[in-house]
Protein backbone atom coordinates (compact mmCIF):
# COMPACT_ATOMS: atom_id res chain seq x y z
CA UNK A 1 60.01 -25.91 64.31
CA UNK A 2 60.42 -22.77 62.21
CA UNK A 3 58.07 -21.67 59.53
CA UNK A 4 60.28 -21.20 56.45
CA UNK A 5 59.23 -18.50 53.99
CA UNK A 6 60.99 -17.93 50.68
CA UNK A 7 60.89 -14.47 49.11
CA UNK A 8 61.40 -14.87 45.37
CA UNK A 9 60.45 -13.62 41.94
CA UNK A 10 61.49 -14.39 38.41
CA UNK A 11 62.83 -10.84 38.02
CA UNK A 12 65.26 -8.56 39.79
CA UNK A 13 64.43 -5.16 41.20
CA UNK A 14 60.94 -5.99 42.42
CA UNK A 15 61.62 -5.65 46.15
CA UNK A 16 62.60 -9.13 47.33
CA UNK A 17 65.37 -7.94 49.65
CA UNK A 18 63.32 -5.01 50.95
CA UNK A 19 60.39 -7.34 51.61
CA UNK A 20 62.64 -9.83 53.42
CA UNK A 21 64.08 -7.08 55.61
CA UNK A 22 60.75 -5.45 56.44
CA UNK A 23 58.78 -8.65 57.10
CA UNK A 24 61.66 -10.05 59.15
CA UNK A 25 61.91 -6.91 61.28
CA UNK A 26 58.14 -6.86 61.79
CA UNK A 27 58.10 -10.50 62.92
CA UNK A 28 60.99 -9.84 65.30
CA UNK A 29 59.24 -6.78 66.75
CA UNK A 30 56.20 -8.95 67.37
CA UNK A 31 58.42 -11.17 69.53
CA UNK A 32 59.14 -13.97 67.07
CA UNK A 33 62.69 -15.33 66.95
CA UNK A 34 63.43 -14.62 63.27
CA UNK A 35 66.31 -15.58 60.97
CA UNK A 36 66.95 -13.85 57.65
CA UNK A 37 69.05 -15.85 55.19
CA UNK A 38 70.64 -14.00 52.29
CA UNK A 39 70.72 -16.57 49.48
CA UNK A 40 71.16 -13.90 46.78
CA UNK A 41 74.92 -14.46 46.71
CA UNK A 42 75.37 -12.50 43.49
CA UNK A 43 74.18 -9.23 45.00
CA UNK A 44 73.99 -9.78 48.76
CA UNK A 45 72.35 -6.52 49.81
CA UNK A 46 70.34 -7.76 52.78
CA UNK A 47 73.21 -7.03 55.17
CA UNK A 48 73.29 -3.42 53.88
CA UNK A 49 69.57 -2.93 54.47
CA UNK A 50 69.91 -4.29 57.98
CA UNK A 51 73.03 -2.20 58.68
CA UNK A 52 75.03 -5.34 59.43
CA UNK A 53 77.54 -5.28 56.57
CA UNK A 54 80.48 -4.47 58.88
CA UNK A 55 79.66 -7.35 61.21
CA UNK A 56 79.90 -10.17 58.64
CA UNK A 57 82.93 -12.29 59.49
CA UNK A 58 81.76 -15.80 58.61
CA UNK A 59 79.21 -17.06 56.09
CA UNK A 60 77.35 -20.24 55.28
CA UNK A 61 80.25 -21.28 53.06
CA UNK A 62 82.58 -21.00 56.05
CA UNK A 63 80.24 -23.24 58.04
CA UNK A 64 80.13 -25.79 55.22
CA UNK A 65 83.92 -25.68 54.84
CA UNK A 66 84.22 -26.18 58.61
CA UNK A 67 86.12 -22.89 59.03
CA UNK A 68 83.69 -21.95 61.80
CA UNK A 69 80.72 -23.25 63.77
CA UNK A 70 77.21 -22.42 62.58
CA UNK A 71 76.63 -20.16 65.61
CA UNK A 72 79.67 -18.04 64.64
CA UNK A 73 78.14 -17.18 61.24
CA UNK A 74 74.81 -16.03 62.72
CA UNK A 75 74.74 -12.27 63.28
CA UNK A 76 72.46 -10.99 66.03
CA UNK A 77 70.93 -7.57 65.30
CA UNK A 78 71.84 -5.31 68.22
CA UNK A 79 68.76 -3.10 67.76
CA UNK A 80 66.34 -6.00 67.58
CA UNK A 81 67.37 -8.99 69.73
CA UNK A 82 64.80 -11.32 68.09
CA UNK A 83 66.36 -10.79 64.63
CA UNK A 84 69.33 -12.78 63.31
CA UNK A 85 71.07 -12.50 59.93
CA UNK A 86 72.86 -15.30 58.06
CA UNK A 87 74.76 -14.58 54.82
CA UNK A 88 75.42 -17.64 52.69
CA UNK A 89 78.41 -16.18 50.83
CA UNK A 90 80.72 -13.19 51.13
CA UNK A 91 80.63 -10.08 48.94
CA UNK A 92 84.23 -10.74 47.93
CA UNK A 93 83.96 -14.34 46.73
CA UNK A 94 80.31 -14.63 45.67
CA UNK A 95 80.87 -18.38 45.47
CA UNK A 96 77.50 -20.03 44.97
CA UNK A 97 76.19 -22.44 47.53
CA UNK A 98 74.60 -25.63 46.24
CA UNK A 99 70.94 -26.41 46.65
CA UNK A 100 71.73 -29.45 48.79
CA UNK A 101 73.97 -27.33 51.05
CA UNK A 102 71.18 -24.77 51.50
CA UNK A 103 68.72 -27.49 52.44
CA UNK A 104 71.20 -28.91 54.96
CA UNK A 105 71.73 -25.51 56.60
CA UNK A 106 68.00 -24.79 56.79
CA UNK A 107 67.39 -28.18 58.42
CA UNK A 108 70.04 -27.42 61.05
CA UNK A 109 68.42 -24.05 61.83
CA UNK A 110 64.72 -24.96 61.93
CA UNK A 111 64.67 -25.83 65.63
CA UNK A 112 66.35 -22.56 66.67
CA UNK A 113 63.87 -20.05 65.18
CA UNK A 114 60.16 -19.32 64.88
CA UNK A 115 60.54 -17.96 61.34
CA UNK A 116 63.22 -18.33 58.69
CA UNK A 117 62.97 -15.97 55.72
CA UNK A 118 65.12 -16.73 52.67
CA UNK A 119 65.95 -13.88 50.27
CA UNK A 120 66.50 -15.63 46.93
CA UNK A 121 68.28 -14.48 43.76
CA UNK A 122 66.20 -13.10 40.87
CA UNK A 123 66.17 -16.36 38.96
CA UNK A 124 64.64 -19.78 39.06
CA UNK A 125 67.97 -21.46 39.72
CA UNK A 126 68.42 -24.80 41.44
CA UNK A 127 69.18 -22.87 44.65
CA UNK A 128 65.80 -21.12 44.47
CA UNK A 129 64.05 -24.41 43.72
CA UNK A 130 65.70 -26.08 46.72
CA UNK A 131 64.74 -23.13 48.92
CA UNK A 132 61.14 -23.68 47.79
CA UNK A 133 61.40 -27.40 48.53
CA UNK A 134 62.69 -26.60 52.04
CA UNK A 135 59.98 -24.03 52.78
CA UNK A 136 56.40 -23.87 53.99
CA UNK A 137 55.40 -20.88 51.89
CA UNK A 138 56.59 -18.09 49.68
CA UNK A 139 56.06 -14.39 49.15
CA UNK A 140 56.29 -13.04 45.62
CA UNK A 141 56.95 -9.28 45.42
CA UNK A 142 55.72 -8.04 42.07
CA UNK A 143 55.78 -4.87 40.01
CA UNK A 144 52.99 -4.43 37.52
CA UNK A 145 55.12 -4.40 34.39
CA UNK A 146 55.47 -6.77 31.47
CA UNK A 147 58.77 -8.47 32.39
CA UNK A 148 57.77 -8.91 36.03
CA UNK A 149 54.56 -10.61 34.93
CA UNK A 150 56.52 -12.84 32.54
CA UNK A 151 58.77 -13.83 35.44
CA UNK A 152 55.70 -14.57 37.54
CA UNK A 153 54.36 -16.91 34.86
CA UNK A 154 57.58 -18.93 34.89
CA UNK A 155 57.64 -18.93 38.71
CA UNK A 156 54.07 -20.23 38.88
CA UNK A 157 54.92 -23.12 36.53
CA UNK A 158 57.95 -23.99 38.68
CA UNK A 159 55.86 -23.83 41.88
CA UNK A 160 53.27 -26.18 40.42
CA UNK A 161 55.97 -28.71 39.49
CA UNK A 162 57.46 -28.47 42.99
CA UNK A 163 54.05 -28.96 44.58
CA UNK A 164 53.37 -32.06 42.49
CA UNK A 165 56.62 -33.89 43.12
CA UNK A 166 58.66 -32.34 45.95
CA UNK A 167 56.65 -30.18 48.36
CA UNK A 168 52.86 -30.62 48.14
CA UNK A 169 52.30 -28.35 51.18
CA UNK A 170 53.97 -25.28 49.64
CA UNK A 171 51.70 -22.22 49.95
CA UNK A 172 51.90 -18.89 48.14
């Protein structure tokens, strides 16, 4: 059963995608079968950081629409065989995936990986909340500036509500 880690923040530009990429690559290099999910469908830069942007054919939306099998949307990194990438939406459509759909996909993938890292959008949307509900822990990249700290305050309030009612085992 995979350990699911959400990388989130209440603000953009703090290094969520870079953190996801670097931690994921490090885990894979240590021999852990690692999946990186790009849930930031508005920007979707994780594939660029990984150098996999030209290999994206299918996405999580295609899986949900039954246009392909789940295995067809998973992109194996050729340089690091323990690392797999899974975009939830395409750069062209940027159609959002629902929170329930994300939870369903994560449940289907938990038995196939040691670690699942979810790169979330820079907001406390329902999708981010559901990612937190589906996870074991979260990483919060942070810049020491006013707006980043304001975002952290809102994130901490959301995490406390999630811990009380939906996921008491969630760890920061």
